Amino acid sequence: MPVRRPPHILALLAVPALVLPLWGCGKSAPDGPPPPSAEAQAAIKDNGGAAHDAFGRAIDGLFEEGEVGRTDALIVMKRGSVIAARYGDGIKPDTRLQGWGMGQCVTALMIGQLVSDGRLRLDESAPVPEWQRPGDPRGEITLRQLLQMRSGLRHAESGGSPKDGVAQQSDRMRMLFLDGRDDMAAYAEAQPLEAPAGAVFENSAATPVILADLAARVLSPDLSPDRRRVAVAEYLKNRVLLPLGMGSTLVGYDGRGTMIGSAMVHATARDWAQLGEFLRHTGSVGGAQVLPRRWVQFMLEPSPRNVAYGAGVWLNRAKASDQAMLFPGQAPSNAFACLGENGQYVVGSPDQLLTVVRLGETSHAQEGELHDRMGKLLALFPGGV
């Protein structure tokens, strides 16, 4: 059968041979994309359905320090198996790494077990003693509203504009490192309402600390710091971390014995990936239901005041006003992420059977580029948008 050539090829063939070598005179044809580095090639155990070289280049892109900051660890899992793992200088697979705000995901899981045990109630007034005084409007705040970041409590997550030439400290910084550091829950719970309970979404590092305080109150009637710390640590280890597979995890506590549920959680990159897998499997490990399925579904369903946030977890849902999706056009709508300051990511994508972890140190100026590169990595895999 004769080969049919498109008309534009036929036209090109009609051009005199002298004219054809347009890349002659010592000039070569334009180069294609560079091959992945040896480090990226070594990191990939399986391409998981992604184009191999594109996958390698995406991994390299997440280790370009000048563009995205220092990446300490990158883990990509497909169908529950690690298909790529790469670590930064001085970092080993057993190095515990800070999750910062990803700690709120761990806190939400602990609260879920306490609700499952009947020790806390989702839609009753949060049992903070100072809020239960007659006439205190904070008594209207429920556990559900705290988990969905819509308590209405006054909070500034980042610093405000300078006043009288003095930079304003954020409530997050004051609670974690300044006047609130010895009793973080007291600092967080003392804030007044700035909006009716349940009416407004506001991301708050103070909220997981309040939740951790509630856990300590129901687990340890003895309010001594040591007993509070031990009671929470044992419950968290035995009911959440070990069953989930996060055995390396270390958790920080303040001077009052309250778990710092919004920041001071360290674990290996592989164990952070276990968190993503646990959520992706809606609370089960190896087919065994560790946490009620309905609780994880609650964590992954949109909050009434922000469709891009669930309960301790960020969602890739449709944009509403200024509430941005996680990875628009790059990942399925049921993708989710536990996020931490300075570029910490645990991303789960059920439709793609993926969990991706990135841990490191990224400046505020680099966060946008890092986020875009994380989205592009996800978009390489089948099952995406």
Protein backbone atom coordinates (compact mmCIF):
# COMPACT_ATOMS: atom_id res chain seq x y z
CA MET A 1 0.00 0.00 0.00
CA PRO A 2 1.52 3.39 -0.98
CA VAL A 3 2.37 5.78 1.87
CA ARG A 4 0.19 8.87 1.95
CA ARG A 5 2.03 12.07 2.77
CA PRO A 6 0.21 15.16 4.06
CA PRO A 7 0.15 18.06 1.60
CA HIS A 8 2.57 20.17 3.65
CA ILE A 9 5.16 17.36 3.52
CA LEU A 10 4.74 17.11 -0.24
CA ALA A 11 5.25 20.83 -0.53
CA LEU A 12 8.42 20.62 1.55
CA LEU A 13 9.80 17.85 -0.66
CA ALA A 14 9.36 20.10 -3.69
CA VAL A 15 11.77 22.70 -2.25
CA PRO A 16 15.26 22.50 -3.86
CA ALA A 17 17.72 20.47 -1.79
CA LEU A 18 19.97 23.50 -1.40
CA VAL A 19 17.31 25.22 0.69
CA LEU A 20 16.39 22.27 2.95
CA PRO A 21 19.25 22.21 5.48
CA LEU A 22 17.97 25.21 7.45
CA TRP A 23 19.99 24.08 10.49
CA GLY A 24 23.21 23.94 8.48
CA CYS A 25 26.28 26.16 8.75
CA GLY A 26 27.32 24.68 12.09
CA LYS A 27 23.94 25.17 13.80
CA SER A 28 22.18 22.17 15.39
CA ALA A 29 18.46 21.56 15.79
CA PRO A 30 16.87 22.99 18.96
CA ASP A 31 17.47 20.79 22.00
CA GLY A 32 14.60 18.97 23.72
CA PRO A 33 14.02 18.86 27.49
CA PRO A 34 17.09 17.78 29.45
CA PRO A 35 17.22 14.22 30.70
CA PRO A 36 16.55 13.63 34.40
CA SER A 37 19.55 13.75 36.71
CA ALA A 38 21.23 10.61 37.96
CA GLU A 39 19.73 11.32 41.39
CA ALA A 40 16.21 11.43 39.96
CA GLN A 41 16.80 8.27 37.95
CA ALA A 42 18.00 6.49 41.08
CA ALA A 43 14.98 7.74 43.05
CA ILE A 44 12.43 6.18 40.68
CA LYS A 45 11.56 2.55 41.35
CA ASP A 46 8.46 2.57 39.14
CA ASN A 47 6.99 5.34 37.01
CA GLY A 48 3.43 4.58 38.18
CA GLY A 49 2.00 5.25 34.74
CA ALA A 50 3.70 8.65 34.32
CA ALA A 51 6.12 9.31 31.48
CA HIS A 52 9.46 8.25 32.97
CA ASP A 53 11.59 11.22 31.90
CA ALA A 54 8.88 13.75 32.74
CA PHE A 55 8.56 12.15 36.18
CA GLY A 56 12.32 12.41 36.68
CA ARG A 57 12.38 16.05 35.61
CA ALA A 58 9.50 16.82 38.00
CA ILE A 59 11.49 15.25 40.84
CA ASP A 60 14.55 17.30 39.88
CA GLY A 61 12.39 20.42 39.82
CA LEU A 62 11.42 19.87 43.44
CA PHE A 63 15.11 19.79 44.42
CA GLU A 64 16.08 23.07 42.72
CA GLU A 65 16.90 25.02 45.86
CA GLY A 66 17.14 28.37 44.14
CA GLU A 67 13.55 28.02 42.91
CA VAL A 68 11.67 26.13 45.64
CA GLY A 69 13.95 26.18 48.68
CA ARG A 70 15.56 23.20 50.36
CA THR A 71 13.76 19.89 49.87
CA ASP A 72 14.67 17.38 52.56
CA ALA A 73 12.48 14.52 51.40
CA LEU A 74 10.15 13.56 48.57
CA ILE A 75 8.07 10.36 48.64
CA VAL A 76 5.65 9.27 45.90
CA MET A 77 3.40 6.27 46.57
CA LYS A 78 1.13 4.51 44.07
CA ARG A 79 -1.33 1.81 45.15
CA GLY A 80 0.28 1.77 48.59
CA SER A 81 3.86 1.18 47.39
CA VAL A 82 6.70 3.70 47.24
CA ILE A 83 7.50 4.31 43.58
CA ALA A 84 9.96 7.17 44.15
CA ALA A 85 11.96 8.39 47.14
CA ARG A 86 14.65 11.04 47.25
CA TYR A 87 16.30 12.79 50.18
CA GLY A 88 18.29 15.98 50.55
CA ASP A 89 21.85 16.32 51.83
CA GLY A 90 22.25 14.92 55.33
CA ILE A 91 18.73 13.48 55.42
CA LYS A 92 18.15 9.75 55.77
CA PRO A 93 14.98 7.64 55.58
CA ASP A 94 14.90 7.47 59.39
CA THR A 95 15.35 11.25 59.91
CA ARG A 96 12.37 12.78 61.69
CA LEU A 97 11.15 15.92 59.92
CA GLN A 98 8.96 18.76 61.14
CA GLY A 99 5.44 18.89 59.75
CA TRP A 100 4.45 22.30 61.15
CA GLY A 101 0.75 22.88 60.33
CA MET A 102 0.31 19.27 59.21
CA GLY A 103 0.06 18.53 62.92
CA GLN A 104 -3.55 19.67 62.78
CA CYS A 105 -4.37 16.56 60.71
CA VAL A 106 -2.96 14.36 63.48
CA THR A 107 -4.91 16.33 66.09
CA ALA A 108 -8.15 15.90 64.13
CA LEU A 109 -7.59 12.12 64.04
CA MET A 110 -7.13 12.05 67.82
CA ILE A 111 -10.32 14.04 68.31
CA GLY A 112 -12.08 11.57 66.01
CA GLN A 113 -11.11 8.67 68.25
CA LEU A 114 -12.36 10.54 71.32
CA VAL A 115 -15.68 11.24 69.58
CA SER A 116 -15.86 7.58 68.58
CA ASP A 117 -15.25 6.63 72.22
CA GLY A 118 -18.09 8.91 73.34
CA ARG A 119 -15.78 11.16 75.33
CA LEU A 120 -16.38 14.24 73.19
CA ARG A 121 -19.47 15.27 71.21
CA LEU A 122 -19.25 16.89 67.81
CA ASP A 123 -22.29 19.18 67.96
CA GLU A 124 -22.34 20.19 71.60
CA SER A 125 -20.69 23.23 73.15
CA ALA A 126 -16.93 22.70 73.30
CA PRO A 127 -16.20 21.96 76.99
CA VAL A 128 -13.85 24.85 77.70
CA PRO A 129 -14.69 25.87 81.30
CA GLU A 130 -14.09 29.60 80.72
CA TRP A 131 -16.64 29.57 77.89
CA GLN A 132 -19.41 28.04 79.99
CA ARG A 133 -20.04 31.07 82.20
CA PRO A 134 -23.52 32.57 81.85
CA GLY A 135 -23.70 35.11 79.05
CA ASP A 136 -20.40 34.16 77.42
CA PRO A 137 -21.11 33.88 73.65
CA ARG A 138 -18.16 31.54 73.22
CA GLY A 139 -20.30 28.86 74.83
CA GLU A 140 -22.01 28.57 71.43
CA ILE A 141 -18.83 27.23 69.78
CA THR A 142 -19.10 23.53 68.97
CA LEU A 143 -16.40 20.95 68.43
CA ARG A 144 -17.46 20.71 64.77
CA GLN A 145 -16.94 24.44 64.31
CA LEU A 146 -13.47 24.26 65.86
CA LEU A 147 -12.47 21.40 63.57
CA GLN A 148 -13.74 23.30 60.52
CA MET A 149 -11.87 26.50 61.50
CA ARG A 150 -15.03 28.55 61.99
CA SER A 151 -15.04 29.19 65.72
CA GLY A 152 -15.29 32.96 65.28
CA LEU A 153 -12.48 33.54 67.81
CA ARG A 154 -10.21 36.49 67.12
CA HIS A 155 -6.98 35.35 65.52
CA ALA A 156 -4.29 36.71 63.22
CA GLU A 157 -2.34 33.86 61.60
CA SER A 158 0.27 36.18 60.10
CA GLY A 159 1.66 39.52 61.22
CA GLY A 160 -0.32 42.65 60.51
CA SER A 161 0.88 45.94 59.07
CA PRO A 162 3.19 48.05 61.27
CA LYS A 163 1.49 50.34 63.77
CA ASP A 164 3.33 53.48 64.89
CA GLY A 165 6.45 52.08 63.22
CA VAL A 166 6.33 48.79 65.19
CA ALA A 167 5.75 45.49 63.40
CA GLN A 168 2.71 43.65 64.75
CA GLN A 169 3.25 40.08 65.92
CA SER A 170 0.74 37.50 64.73
CA ASP A 171 -1.31 35.58 67.27
CA ARG A 172 0.34 32.42 65.97
CA MET A 173 3.81 33.76 66.81
CA ARG A 174 2.70 35.10 70.18
CA MET A 175 1.08 31.81 71.14
CA LEU A 176 3.93 29.55 70.00
CA PHE A 177 6.98 31.59 70.94
CA LEU A 178 6.16 34.68 73.05
CA ASP A 179 3.65 35.44 75.82
CA GLY A 180 1.48 32.38 75.16
CA ARG A 181 4.20 29.76 74.93
CA ASP A 182 3.97 28.39 78.51
CA ASP A 183 0.20 27.85 78.35
CA MET A 184 -0.85 27.99 74.73
CA ALA A 185 -4.39 26.79 75.29
CA ALA A 186 -5.04 29.53 77.86
CA TYR A 187 -3.83 32.13 75.35
CA ALA A 188 -5.98 30.69 72.55
CA GLU A 189 -9.10 30.20 74.68
CA ALA A 190 -8.92 33.72 76.13
CA GLN A 191 -9.52 35.35 72.74
CA PRO A 192 -12.91 37.03 72.26
CA LEU A 193 -15.28 36.36 69.39
CA GLU A 194 -14.83 38.58 66.37
CA ALA A 195 -17.63 36.85 64.43
CA PRO A 196 -20.62 34.73 65.47
CA ALA A 197 -19.70 31.11 66.13
CA GLY A 198 -19.81 29.13 62.88
CA ALA A 199 -20.21 32.14 60.59
CA VAL A 200 -16.70 32.77 59.22
CA PHE A 201 -13.77 30.58 58.15
CA GLU A 202 -10.35 31.58 59.44
CA ASN A 203 -7.30 29.34 59.39
CA SER A 204 -5.92 29.35 62.91
CA ALA A 205 -2.92 27.67 64.53
CA ALA A 206 -4.65 28.31 67.86
CA THR A 207 -7.59 26.04 67.11
CA PRO A 208 -5.69 22.69 67.14
CA VAL A 209 -4.17 23.73 70.48
CA ILE A 210 -7.69 24.25 71.89
CA LEU A 211 -8.64 20.81 70.53
CA ALA A 212 -5.55 19.27 72.15
CA ASP A 213 -6.50 20.92 75.45
CA LEU A 214 -9.98 19.39 75.23
CA ALA A 215 -8.38 15.98 74.66
CA ALA A 216 -6.18 16.43 77.74
CA ARG A 217 -9.18 17.47 79.87
CA VAL A 218 -11.17 14.33 79.08
CA LEU A 219 -8.15 12.00 79.28
CA SER A 220 -6.70 13.40 82.50
CA PRO A 221 -9.02 14.79 85.18
CA ASP A 222 -5.81 15.47 87.13
CA LEU A 223 -4.73 18.75 85.55
CA SER A 224 -1.03 18.50 86.47
CA PRO A 225 1.16 19.08 83.39
CA ASP A 226 2.96 15.75 83.65
CA ARG A 227 -0.24 13.74 83.90
CA ARG A 228 -1.84 15.64 81.04
CA ARG A 229 1.18 15.05 78.84
CA VAL A 230 1.42 11.34 79.64
CA ALA A 231 -2.31 10.75 79.20
CA VAL A 232 -2.44 12.39 75.79
CA ALA A 233 0.84 10.85 74.62
CA GLU A 234 -0.32 7.33 75.50
CA TYR A 235 -3.73 7.75 73.92
CA LEU A 236 -2.31 9.31 70.77
CA LYS A 237 0.34 6.61 70.43
CA ASN A 238 -1.92 3.62 71.07
CA ARG A 239 -5.12 4.77 69.38
CA VAL A 240 -3.77 6.79 66.44
CA LEU A 241 -0.06 6.71 65.65
CA LEU A 242 0.83 3.02 66.02
CA PRO A 243 -2.34 1.68 64.35
CA LEU A 244 -1.87 4.19 61.54
CA GLY A 245 1.77 3.24 61.02
CA MET A 246 3.42 6.46 62.25
CA GLY A 247 5.61 4.84 64.89
CA SER A 248 8.47 7.31 64.46
CA THR A 249 6.35 10.31 65.47
CA LEU A 250 7.45 12.68 68.23
CA VAL A 251 5.02 15.30 69.52
CA GLY A 252 5.81 18.52 71.39
CA TYR A 253 4.02 19.77 74.52
CA ASP A 254 3.98 23.17 76.21
CA GLY A 255 4.70 23.90 79.88
CA ARG A 256 1.10 23.18 80.81
CA GLY A 257 1.30 19.69 79.33
CA THR A 258 -0.83 20.55 76.28
CA MET A 259 0.03 18.94 72.96
CA ILE A 260 1.08 21.61 70.47
CA GLY A 261 -1.41 20.25 67.97
CA SER A 262 -0.77 22.80 65.26
CA ALA A 263 2.99 22.64 64.91
CA MET A 264 5.41 20.49 66.89
CA VAL A 265 4.96 17.08 65.27
CA HIS A 266 8.01 15.31 63.80
CA ALA A 267 8.04 12.04 61.83
CA THR A 268 9.99 10.36 59.05
CA ALA A 269 8.92 11.13 55.50
CA ARG A 270 7.73 7.56 55.12
CA ASP A 271 5.53 7.90 58.21
CA TRP A 272 4.10 11.18 56.95
CA ALA A 273 3.21 9.24 53.80
CA GLN A 274 1.36 6.76 56.01
CA LEU A 275 -0.86 9.63 57.12
CA GLY A 276 -1.79 10.34 53.50
CA GLU A 277 -2.45 6.66 52.83
CA PHE A 278 -4.62 6.41 55.94
CA LEU A 279 -6.79 9.31 54.83
CA ARG A 280 -6.87 8.04 51.24
CA HIS A 281 -8.23 4.73 52.56
CA THR A 282 -10.79 6.59 54.75
CA GLY A 283 -9.38 5.39 58.05
CA SER A 284 -8.38 1.81 57.28
CA VAL A 285 -4.98 0.09 57.33
CA GLY A 286 -4.57 -3.21 55.54
CA GLY A 287 -8.34 -3.60 55.40
CA ALA A 288 -8.81 -3.02 59.16
CA GLN A 289 -10.86 0.04 60.07
CA VAL A 290 -8.76 1.96 62.64
CA LEU A 291 -10.95 5.06 62.77
CA PRO A 292 -14.65 5.12 61.85
CA ARG A 293 -15.03 5.66 58.12
CA ARG A 294 -17.63 8.35 58.69
CA TRP A 295 -15.08 10.41 60.68
CA VAL A 296 -12.52 10.49 57.88
CA GLN A 297 -15.31 11.25 55.42
CA PHE A 298 -16.22 14.20 57.65
CA MET A 299 -12.59 15.38 57.59
CA LEU A 300 -12.63 15.23 53.78
CA GLU A 301 -15.97 16.93 53.15
CA PRO A 302 -16.15 20.71 52.53
CA SER A 303 -16.69 23.01 55.45
CA PRO A 304 -19.85 25.17 55.22
CA ARG A 305 -17.72 28.32 55.19
CA ASN A 306 -14.87 27.18 52.91
CA VAL A 307 -15.32 24.48 50.28
CA ALA A 308 -11.53 24.19 50.02
CA TYR A 309 -11.21 23.04 53.65
CA GLY A 310 -12.62 20.04 55.50
CA ALA A 311 -11.61 19.32 59.09
CA GLY A 312 -7.85 19.55 59.48
CA VAL A 313 -7.42 18.90 55.74
CA TRP A 314 -7.34 21.12 52.64
CA LEU A 315 -9.44 20.09 49.64
CA ASN A 316 -9.28 20.44 45.86
CA ARG A 317 -12.87 21.59 45.55
CA ALA A 318 -14.38 24.26 43.31
CA LYS A 319 -13.23 27.79 43.96
CA ALA A 320 -15.58 29.96 46.00
CA SER A 321 -14.85 33.70 46.19
CA ASP A 322 -11.28 33.91 47.55
CA GLN A 323 -11.10 30.27 48.65
CA ALA A 324 -8.60 28.78 46.22
CA MET A 325 -8.55 25.15 45.17
CA LEU A 326 -5.41 23.17 45.94
CA PHE A 327 -4.43 22.16 42.40
CA PRO A 328 -6.92 23.56 39.87
CA GLY A 329 -6.68 21.74 36.56
CA GLN A 330 -3.89 19.49 37.86
CA ALA A 331 -5.57 16.94 40.16
CA PRO A 332 -9.02 15.38 40.62
CA SER A 333 -11.63 17.11 42.75
CA ASN A 334 -11.28 14.56 45.56
CA ALA A 335 -7.57 15.24 46.03
CA PHE A 336 -6.69 16.57 49.48
CA ALA A 337 -3.66 17.70 51.46
CA CYS A 338 -2.33 18.20 54.94
CA LEU A 339 -0.27 21.38 54.65
CA GLY A 340 2.37 22.94 56.85
CA GLU A 341 4.21 26.22 56.85
CA ASN A 342 7.46 26.52 54.87
CA GLY A 343 6.39 24.01 52.22
CA GLN A 344 5.29 20.84 54.01
CA TYR A 345 2.91 18.63 51.99
CA VAL A 346 1.11 15.33 52.44
CA VAL A 347 -1.10 15.03 49.34
CA GLY A 348 -3.58 12.23 48.72
CA SER A 349 -5.37 11.62 45.42
CA PRO A 350 -7.82 8.70 45.65
CA ASP A 351 -8.70 8.69 41.93
CA GLN A 352 -5.01 8.46 41.02
CA LEU A 353 -4.19 5.99 43.84
CA LEU A 354 -1.44 8.43 44.88
CA THR A 355 0.13 9.83 48.01
CA VAL A 356 2.90 12.44 47.67
CA VAL A 357 4.99 13.87 50.51
CA ARG A 358 7.35 16.84 50.31
CA LEU A 359 9.21 18.13 53.36
CA GLY A 360 11.75 20.91 53.55
CA GLU A 361 12.26 24.63 54.01
CA THR A 362 10.69 27.05 51.54
CA SER A 363 10.54 30.83 51.87
CA HIS A 364 7.31 32.74 51.45
CA ALA A 365 8.58 34.10 48.11
CA GLN A 366 9.14 30.56 46.82
CA GLU A 367 5.89 28.98 48.01
CA GLY A 368 3.96 29.69 44.81
CA GLU A 369 6.59 28.06 42.61
CA LEU A 370 6.80 25.02 44.90
CA HIS A 371 3.03 24.63 44.87
CA ASP A 372 2.90 24.84 41.10
CA ARG A 373 5.59 22.20 40.73
CA MET A 374 3.76 19.89 43.15
CA GLY A 375 0.64 20.26 41.02
CA LYS A 376 2.55 19.53 37.83
CA LEU A 377 3.94 16.34 39.35
CA LEU A 378 0.43 15.17 40.22
CA ALA A 379 -0.79 15.98 36.72
CA LEU A 380 1.68 13.47 35.23
CA PHE A 381 -0.23 10.48 36.56
CA PRO A 382 -3.28 8.74 35.05
CA GLY A 383 -6.65 9.39 36.63
CA GLY A 384 -6.16 13.14 36.87
CA VAL A 385 -8.29 15.88 35.36
